[in-house]
Structures are given as structure tokens and as C-alpha cells.
Amino acid sequence: MASNRLPVSLKMRGDQVECAPSSGGLASALSGFRSAADFVWVGWPGCAVPRERQGDVASLLAEQHLAPVFVTRNEE
């Protein structure tokens, strides 16, 4: 699955990463598929992630079958 946004809202607060489910219609409609082993949702995580933290964030999101596409603050 590919969309412009992942079904989570990611926030960076200093060194802490906060991740909460989003309330969008597509996220709600497809929530049951996210637990399938062969399902991966690709999209933007909702905020700019510093390059040095992208590996950590990608690993955290991979546990939820999510693959982030990182963009810079200028690209947001």
C-alpha cells in the first residue's frame, strides 16, 4: 500500500519519538490489513526526521508494517 501519509502521526521532541495512530478515513478502513505479514504501508511519517534518527524511526515503524519516506523540512 502506498499513500502520501502513513496511518500514524509521528512527532520528534528532542531525542524522543512520539507515534500515535491517525484518525484518517483510509487509515481506519485499512486498519485490519496492517497485521497481515505481507502488508506494508509506504508513506510520509508526518514530520521531518533528522538524518541521524531515520534508521531508528524506520525500525520502530517497521514493527507496525510501515515503511517511511523521509523528507526534509523544506519539502514538507
C-alpha atoms as a PDB file:
ATOM      1  CA  MET A   1       0.000   0.000   0.000  1.00  0.00           C
ATOM      2  CA  ALA A   2       1.358   3.428  -0.876  1.00  0.00           C
ATOM      3  CA  SER A   3      -0.155   6.748   0.124  1.00  0.00           C
ATOM      4  CA  ASN A   4       1.020  10.259   0.825  1.00  0.00           C
ATOM      5  CA  ARG A   5       0.795   9.692   4.611  1.00  0.00           C
ATOM      6  CA  LEU A   6       1.329   6.757   6.909  1.00  0.00           C
ATOM      7  CA  PRO A   7      -1.583   5.910   9.215  1.00  0.00           C
ATOM      8  CA  VAL A   8       0.306   7.361  12.181  1.00  0.00           C
ATOM      9  CA  SER A   9       1.225  10.821  13.396  1.00  0.00           C
ATOM     10  CA  LEU A  10       4.904  10.999  14.208  1.00  0.00           C
ATOM     11  CA  LYS A  11       6.392  13.820  16.296  1.00  0.00           C
ATOM     12  CA  MET A  12      10.015  14.436  17.172  1.00  0.00           C
ATOM     13  CA  ARG A  13      10.539  16.050  20.590  1.00  0.00           C
ATOM     14  CA  GLY A  14      14.263  16.366  21.104  1.00  0.00           C
ATOM     15  CA  ASP A  15      15.582  12.796  21.147  1.00  0.00           C
ATOM     16  CA  GLN A  16      12.134  11.327  21.773  1.00  0.00           C
ATOM     17  CA  VAL A  17       9.893   9.946  19.045  1.00  0.00           C
ATOM     18  CA  GLU A  18       6.145  10.014  19.641  1.00  0.00           C
ATOM     19  CA  CYS A  19       3.969   7.859  17.422  1.00  0.00           C
ATOM     20  CA  ALA A  20       0.166   7.831  17.584  1.00  0.00           C
ATOM     21  CA  PRO A  21      -2.463   6.380  15.237  1.00  0.00           C
ATOM     22  CA  SER A  22      -4.024   8.904  12.865  1.00  0.00           C
ATOM     23  CA  SER A  23      -7.742   9.261  12.514  1.00  0.00           C
ATOM     24  CA  GLY A  24      -7.979   9.462   8.724  1.00  0.00           C
ATOM     25  CA  GLY A  25     -10.585   7.534   6.763  1.00  0.00           C
ATOM     26  CA  LEU A  26      -8.107   5.469   4.758  1.00  0.00           C
ATOM     27  CA  ALA A  27      -6.160   4.575   7.907  1.00  0.00           C
ATOM     28  CA  SER A  28      -9.371   3.456   9.606  1.00  0.00           C
ATOM     29  CA  ALA A  29     -10.609   1.497   6.596  1.00  0.00           C
ATOM     30  CA  LEU A  30      -7.370  -0.442   6.197  1.00  0.00           C
ATOM     31  CA  SER A  31      -6.542  -0.959   9.881  1.00  0.00           C
ATOM     32  CA  GLY A  32      -7.427  -4.664   9.725  1.00  0.00           C
ATOM     33  CA  PHE A  33      -4.929  -5.330   6.933  1.00  0.00           C
ATOM     34  CA  ARG A  34      -1.967  -3.841   8.815  1.00  0.00           C
ATOM     35  CA  SER A  35      -1.420  -7.002  10.834  1.00  0.00           C
ATOM     36  CA  ALA A  36      -1.034  -9.174   7.699  1.00  0.00           C
ATOM     37  CA  ALA A  37       2.534 -10.462   7.334  1.00  0.00           C
ATOM     38  CA  ASP A  38       2.766  -9.498   3.651  1.00  0.00           C
ATOM     39  CA  PHE A  39       1.259  -5.999   4.025  1.00  0.00           C
ATOM     40  CA  VAL A  40       3.498  -2.911   4.097  1.00  0.00           C
ATOM     41  CA  TRP A  41       2.208   0.654   4.058  1.00  0.00           C
ATOM     42  CA  VAL A  42       4.608   3.159   2.429  1.00  0.00           C
ATOM     43  CA  GLY A  43       4.285   6.905   3.004  1.00  0.00           C
ATOM     44  CA  TRP A  44       5.405  10.040   4.799  1.00  0.00           C
ATOM     45  CA  PRO A  45       5.507   9.724   8.616  1.00  0.00           C
ATOM     46  CA  GLY A  46       4.110  13.222   9.200  1.00  0.00           C
ATOM     47  CA  CYS A  47       7.210  15.181  10.173  1.00  0.00           C
ATOM     48  CA  ALA A  48      10.809  15.765   9.184  1.00  0.00           C
ATOM     49  CA  VAL A  49      13.126  13.269  10.877  1.00  0.00           C
ATOM     50  CA  PRO A  50      16.801  14.183  11.337  1.00  0.00           C
ATOM     51  CA  ARG A  51      19.032  12.017   9.156  1.00  0.00           C
ATOM     52  CA  GLU A  52      20.799  10.539  12.193  1.00  0.00           C
ATOM     53  CA  ARG A  53      17.439   9.301  13.606  1.00  0.00           C
ATOM     54  CA  GLN A  54      15.942   7.917  10.390  1.00  0.00           C
ATOM     55  CA  GLY A  55      17.246   4.386  10.978  1.00  0.00           C
ATOM     56  CA  ASP A  56      15.724   4.269  14.475  1.00  0.00           C
ATOM     57  CA  VAL A  57      12.406   5.633  13.244  1.00  0.00           C
ATOM     58  CA  ALA A  58      12.318   3.220  10.293  1.00  0.00           C
ATOM     59  CA  SER A  59      12.918   0.283  12.667  1.00  0.00           C
ATOM     60  CA  LEU A  60      10.177   1.465  15.036  1.00  0.00           C
ATOM     61  CA  LEU A  61       7.680   1.844  12.200  1.00  0.00           C
ATOM     62  CA  ALA A  62       8.669  -1.469  10.575  1.00  0.00           C
ATOM     63  CA  GLU A  63       7.290  -3.217  13.661  1.00  0.00           C
ATOM     64  CA  GLN A  64       3.888  -1.856  12.580  1.00  0.00           C
ATOM     65  CA  HIS A  65       4.351  -2.859   8.896  1.00  0.00           C
ATOM     66  CA  LEU A  66       5.071   0.765   7.951  1.00  0.00           C
ATOM     67  CA  ALA A  67       7.836   1.992   5.624  1.00  0.00           C
ATOM     68  CA  PRO A  68       8.531   5.726   5.943  1.00  0.00           C
ATOM     69  CA  VAL A  69       9.517   8.008   3.082  1.00  0.00           C
ATOM     70  CA  PHE A  70      11.567  10.737   4.729  1.00  0.00           C
ATOM     71  CA  VAL A  71      11.504  14.340   3.502  1.00  0.00           C
ATOM     72  CA  THR A  72      13.264  17.466   4.716  1.00  0.00           C
ATOM     73  CA  ARG A  73      11.555  20.387   6.446  1.00  0.00           C
ATOM     74  CA  ASN A  74      11.790  22.321   3.160  1.00  0.00           C
ATOM     75  CA  GLU A  75       9.958  19.529   1.322  1.00  0.00           C
ATOM     76  CA  GLU A  76       7.143  19.195   3.879  1.00  0.00           C
END
